[in-house]
Amino acid sequence: MTAKLFCKFGDRKGDSFVFENEAGIGRGHDAEIRIPHPVISGLHARITRDKKSGHYILEDLGSSNGTWLDGSRVTGKEKLGKLNIIRFAGQLTYFFQDLDAFGLNPGTVDVEVSPTRPDPDMKKGKLADQPKTKETEYRFILAVTSLERRLEIPLKEGTNLVGRSIDAELHIDNEQISRRHAELTLENGAVTVKDLGSTNHTYVNGKEVTEATSVAPNAIIKFGKVECRLLRSRRK
């Protein structure tokens, strides 16, 4: 029974950790998965395999900056699927991969699959059933291109808050960005952007956004002076 936690972009690109039944994640030396980054708490989160169901479970361990699973903040015990996106402190994005579910060996190259959001409810210690989620043919990524460090943040289905707030799904820590700057909404394979009364405004291909505006793939979106590009790729 093995799983992998790995990072494909950002400060920690290249990180890859294989573990079996349980792993503590944190900055401290006691963590089985050690991520030496200042936004990570000493013991930030934990992933464990539930013996009864065989599913892996993610929980935040009272970290200072929080943990997100597929765009939603982790407030309890969350069931993981075959592949999920886990963000630590709203900044570091990792992929969780259940190797056994894919029939893979620990040394196998990471699978390029877009994860779906599992049901967060776990009542009376019983795992909730995985909901059936309708996926579009494509996945979308907001690529932040004008900063010193390039960021690529996946969009989840529905509303994605763009802002400096740690609770924002599309978290961009820059003085040009308001705490709640804008919303990017992904519905049925189409993306729209709406400015939330930000100080420095939002622009699509040079035009200021004054109402909900459609965003085509490869369009340039500027939040203040921070330039981004909407990327689209076909699901595999």
Protein backbone atom coordinates (compact mmCIF):
# COMPACT_ATOMS: atom_id res chain seq x y z
CA MET A 1 0.00 0.00 0.00
CA THR A 2 1.89 3.04 -1.25
CA ALA A 3 1.18 6.65 -2.18
CA LYS A 4 3.17 9.58 -3.50
CA LEU A 5 3.19 13.31 -2.75
CA PHE A 6 5.01 15.35 -5.39
CA CYS A 7 5.43 18.91 -6.65
CA LYS A 8 5.67 19.84 -10.33
CA PHE A 9 6.09 23.63 -10.22
CA GLY A 10 7.05 26.53 -7.97
CA ASP A 11 9.71 26.75 -5.25
CA ARG A 12 9.53 23.04 -4.45
CA LYS A 13 9.41 21.69 -8.00
CA GLY A 14 10.95 18.23 -8.08
CA ASP A 15 9.93 17.20 -4.55
CA SER A 16 8.72 13.60 -4.56
CA PHE A 17 7.90 11.53 -1.48
CA VAL A 18 6.69 7.91 -1.42
CA PHE A 19 5.11 6.57 1.77
CA GLU A 20 2.91 3.73 2.94
CA ASN A 21 0.31 3.93 5.71
CA GLU A 22 1.03 7.29 7.36
CA ALA A 23 3.15 10.40 6.89
CA GLY A 24 3.38 13.64 8.83
CA ILE A 25 4.08 16.68 6.65
CA GLY A 26 5.94 19.71 7.95
CA ARG A 27 9.05 21.86 8.23
CA GLY A 28 10.34 20.11 11.34
CA HIS A 29 12.82 17.26 11.45
CA ASP A 30 10.20 14.95 13.01
CA ALA A 31 8.03 15.08 9.87
CA GLU A 32 8.23 12.02 7.62
CA ILE A 33 7.66 14.34 4.65
CA ARG A 34 9.87 17.34 5.32
CA ILE A 35 9.19 20.56 3.38
CA PRO A 36 11.71 23.18 4.58
CA HIS A 37 9.79 26.30 3.64
CA PRO A 38 8.97 29.25 5.97
CA VAL A 39 5.19 29.12 5.32
CA ILE A 40 5.03 25.48 6.47
CA SER A 41 4.49 24.72 10.16
CA GLY A 42 6.76 22.34 12.05
CA LEU A 43 4.11 19.62 11.77
CA HIS A 44 1.63 21.02 9.27
CA ALA A 45 -0.61 18.15 8.13
CA ARG A 46 -0.88 14.37 8.09
CA ILE A 47 -1.95 11.75 5.55
CA THR A 48 -3.02 8.34 6.88
CA ARG A 49 -4.56 5.25 5.33
CA ASP A 50 -7.88 4.20 6.85
CA LYS A 51 -7.50 0.50 7.67
CA LYS A 52 -11.17 -0.33 7.20
CA SER A 53 -11.82 1.34 3.85
CA GLY A 54 -8.29 1.48 2.43
CA HIS A 55 -8.70 5.17 1.54
CA TYR A 56 -6.09 7.77 2.41
CA ILE A 57 -7.18 10.61 4.72
CA LEU A 58 -5.81 14.17 4.90
CA GLU A 59 -6.03 16.38 7.97
CA ASP A 60 -4.52 19.73 8.93
CA LEU A 61 -2.74 19.65 12.30
CA GLY A 62 -3.56 23.18 13.42
CA SER A 63 -1.02 24.76 11.07
CA SER A 64 -0.52 28.53 11.07
CA ASN A 65 -1.31 29.00 7.37
CA GLY A 66 -3.74 26.21 6.56
CA THR A 67 -4.12 23.35 4.08
CA TRP A 68 -6.37 23.17 0.98
CA LEU A 69 -7.67 20.12 -0.84
CA ASP A 70 -8.74 20.66 -4.47
CA GLY A 71 -9.48 24.32 -3.76
CA SER A 72 -11.32 23.95 -0.43
CA ARG A 73 -9.77 24.59 2.96
CA VAL A 74 -9.29 21.49 5.10
CA THR A 75 -11.17 21.86 8.39
CA GLY A 76 -11.55 18.20 9.37
CA LYS A 77 -10.62 14.80 8.03
CA GLU A 78 -10.86 14.62 4.25
CA LYS A 79 -10.96 11.50 2.09
CA LEU A 80 -8.43 11.49 -0.74
CA GLY A 81 -9.09 10.01 -4.16
CA LYS A 82 -6.69 8.49 -6.68
CA LEU A 83 -5.20 11.90 -7.49
CA ASN A 84 -5.73 15.22 -5.69
CA ILE A 85 -4.26 18.72 -5.49
CA ILE A 86 -3.08 19.71 -2.01
CA ARG A 87 -1.99 23.30 -1.29
CA PHE A 88 -0.08 24.16 1.86
CA ALA A 89 -0.35 27.72 3.22
CA GLY A 90 -2.13 28.77 0.02
CA GLN A 91 1.24 28.86 -1.77
CA LEU A 92 2.85 25.44 -2.20
CA THR A 93 0.96 23.12 -4.55
CA TYR A 94 1.52 19.36 -4.39
CA PHE A 95 -0.16 16.39 -6.03
CA PHE A 96 -1.25 13.35 -4.04
CA GLN A 97 -1.27 10.09 -6.00
CA ASP A 98 -2.54 6.72 -4.71
CA LEU A 99 -0.11 4.43 -6.51
CA ASP A 100 -2.05 1.26 -5.73
CA ALA A 101 -5.26 2.70 -7.20
CA PHE A 102 -3.37 3.30 -10.47
CA GLY A 103 -1.59 -0.06 -10.31
CA LEU A 104 1.79 1.72 -10.30
CA ASN A 105 5.14 1.03 -8.67
CA PRO A 106 6.80 3.72 -6.51
CA GLY A 107 9.34 4.54 -9.22
CA THR A 108 6.72 5.14 -11.91
CA VAL A 109 6.56 8.57 -13.56
CA ASP A 110 3.79 10.75 -12.12
CA VAL A 111 0.44 10.34 -13.88
CA GLU A 112 -0.93 13.45 -15.65
CA VAL A 113 -4.55 13.36 -14.53
CA SER A 114 -6.75 16.18 -13.23
CA PRO A 115 -8.24 15.28 -9.83
CA THR A 116 -11.83 15.70 -8.71
CA ARG A 117 -13.00 17.01 -5.36
CA PRO A 118 -13.98 14.34 -2.81
CA ASP A 119 -16.81 14.76 -0.34
CA PRO A 120 -15.40 16.52 2.76
CA ASP A 121 -18.05 15.19 5.15
CA MET A 122 -16.96 12.53 7.61
CA LYS A 123 -19.70 11.98 10.17
CA LYS A 124 -19.27 9.77 13.21
CA GLY A 125 -15.97 8.48 11.88
CA LYS A 126 -17.55 7.02 8.73
CA LEU A 127 -16.12 7.92 5.38
CA ALA A 128 -18.49 9.67 3.01
CA ASP A 129 -19.04 8.24 -0.46
CA GLN A 130 -17.12 9.81 -3.31
CA PRO A 131 -19.54 12.09 -5.21
CA LYS A 132 -19.92 11.74 -8.94
CA THR A 133 -18.53 14.89 -10.55
CA LYS A 134 -19.13 15.85 -14.15
CA GLU A 135 -15.82 16.88 -15.68
CA THR A 136 -15.35 19.03 -18.73
CA GLU A 137 -13.12 17.89 -21.57
CA TYR A 138 -10.45 20.43 -20.65
CA ARG A 139 -8.62 21.59 -17.54
CA PHE A 140 -7.70 25.24 -16.98
CA ILE A 141 -4.68 26.80 -15.28
CA LEU A 142 -3.97 30.42 -14.33
CA ALA A 143 -0.30 31.03 -15.13
CA VAL A 144 1.20 34.07 -13.36
CA THR A 145 3.89 35.18 -15.81
CA SER A 146 5.09 38.64 -14.76
CA LEU A 147 6.46 37.90 -11.29
CA GLU A 148 10.02 36.84 -10.51
CA ARG A 149 8.74 33.34 -9.76
CA ARG A 150 6.27 31.86 -12.27
CA LEU A 151 3.16 30.33 -10.72
CA GLU A 152 0.68 27.90 -12.30
CA ILE A 153 -2.53 27.45 -10.32
CA PRO A 154 -5.25 24.99 -11.42
CA LEU A 155 -8.86 26.26 -11.54
CA LYS A 156 -11.53 24.19 -9.85
CA GLU A 157 -15.04 23.87 -11.23
CA GLY A 158 -17.17 26.78 -9.99
CA THR A 159 -15.96 30.05 -8.47
CA ASN A 160 -12.25 30.68 -7.81
CA LEU A 161 -11.34 33.72 -5.70
CA VAL A 162 -8.25 35.64 -6.87
CA GLY A 163 -6.57 37.65 -4.15
CA ARG A 164 -3.86 38.24 -1.59
CA SER A 165 -5.99 36.61 1.11
CA ILE A 166 -4.69 33.26 2.32
CA ASP A 167 -8.20 31.88 1.76
CA ALA A 168 -8.16 32.65 -1.97
CA GLU A 169 -8.16 29.60 -4.24
CA LEU A 170 -5.94 31.58 -6.64
CA HIS A 171 -3.62 33.09 -4.04
CA ILE A 172 -1.16 35.70 -5.38
CA ASP A 173 0.95 37.42 -2.72
CA ASN A 174 1.71 40.77 -4.37
CA GLU A 175 1.04 44.37 -3.33
CA GLN A 176 -0.78 45.01 -6.63
CA ILE A 177 -3.41 42.42 -5.66
CA SER A 178 -6.32 43.22 -3.34
CA ARG A 179 -7.23 40.71 -0.64
CA ARG A 180 -10.39 39.88 -2.62
CA HIS A 181 -9.45 41.09 -6.08
CA ALA A 182 -11.56 39.15 -8.58
CA GLU A 183 -13.38 35.90 -9.27
CA LEU A 184 -12.66 33.43 -12.06
CA THR A 185 -15.60 31.11 -12.65
CA LEU A 186 -15.27 27.82 -14.52
CA GLU A 187 -18.57 26.34 -15.69
CA ASN A 188 -19.16 23.79 -18.45
CA GLY A 189 -15.73 24.35 -19.95
CA ALA A 190 -16.03 28.16 -20.11
CA VAL A 191 -14.25 30.75 -17.92
CA THR A 192 -15.47 34.20 -16.91
CA VAL A 193 -13.80 36.87 -14.74
CA LYS A 194 -15.43 39.45 -12.48
CA ASP A 195 -13.63 42.25 -10.64
CA LEU A 196 -14.63 42.58 -6.97
CA GLY A 197 -14.04 46.31 -6.60
CA SER A 198 -10.27 45.92 -6.41
CA THR A 199 -7.96 48.90 -5.91
CA ASN A 200 -5.91 48.31 -9.07
CA HIS A 201 -8.63 46.81 -11.27
CA THR A 202 -8.71 43.78 -13.59
CA TYR A 203 -8.06 43.70 -17.34
CA VAL A 204 -8.58 41.11 -20.09
CA ASN A 205 -6.40 41.65 -23.16
CA GLY A 206 -5.93 45.30 -22.14
CA LYS A 207 -9.61 46.09 -21.56
CA GLU A 208 -10.80 46.90 -18.04
CA VAL A 209 -13.30 44.43 -16.60
CA THR A 210 -16.44 46.29 -15.48
CA GLU A 211 -18.79 43.29 -15.52
CA ALA A 212 -18.56 39.50 -15.78
CA THR A 213 -16.39 38.96 -18.86
CA SER A 214 -15.69 35.81 -20.87
CA VAL A 215 -12.02 34.75 -20.95
CA ALA A 216 -10.76 32.72 -23.90
CA PRO A 217 -7.81 30.28 -23.61
CA ASN A 218 -4.43 32.05 -23.86
CA ALA A 219 -6.05 35.42 -23.02
CA ILE A 220 -3.92 37.81 -20.95
CA ILE A 221 -5.50 38.76 -17.62
CA LYS A 222 -3.94 41.54 -15.55
CA PHE A 223 -4.73 42.03 -11.87
CA GLY A 224 -3.31 45.50 -11.39
CA LYS A 225 0.15 45.14 -12.93
CA VAL A 226 0.38 41.41 -12.32
CA GLU A 227 0.07 39.69 -15.69
CA CYS A 228 -1.39 36.20 -16.05
CA ARG A 229 -2.40 33.92 -18.88
CA LEU A 230 -5.29 31.45 -18.94
CA LEU A 231 -4.00 28.08 -20.11
CA ARG A 232 -6.14 25.17 -21.29
CA SER A 233 -5.14 21.56 -21.85
CA ARG A 234 -7.10 18.46 -22.76
CA ARG A 235 -7.73 15.98 -19.98
CA LYS A 236 -5.94 12.68 -20.45
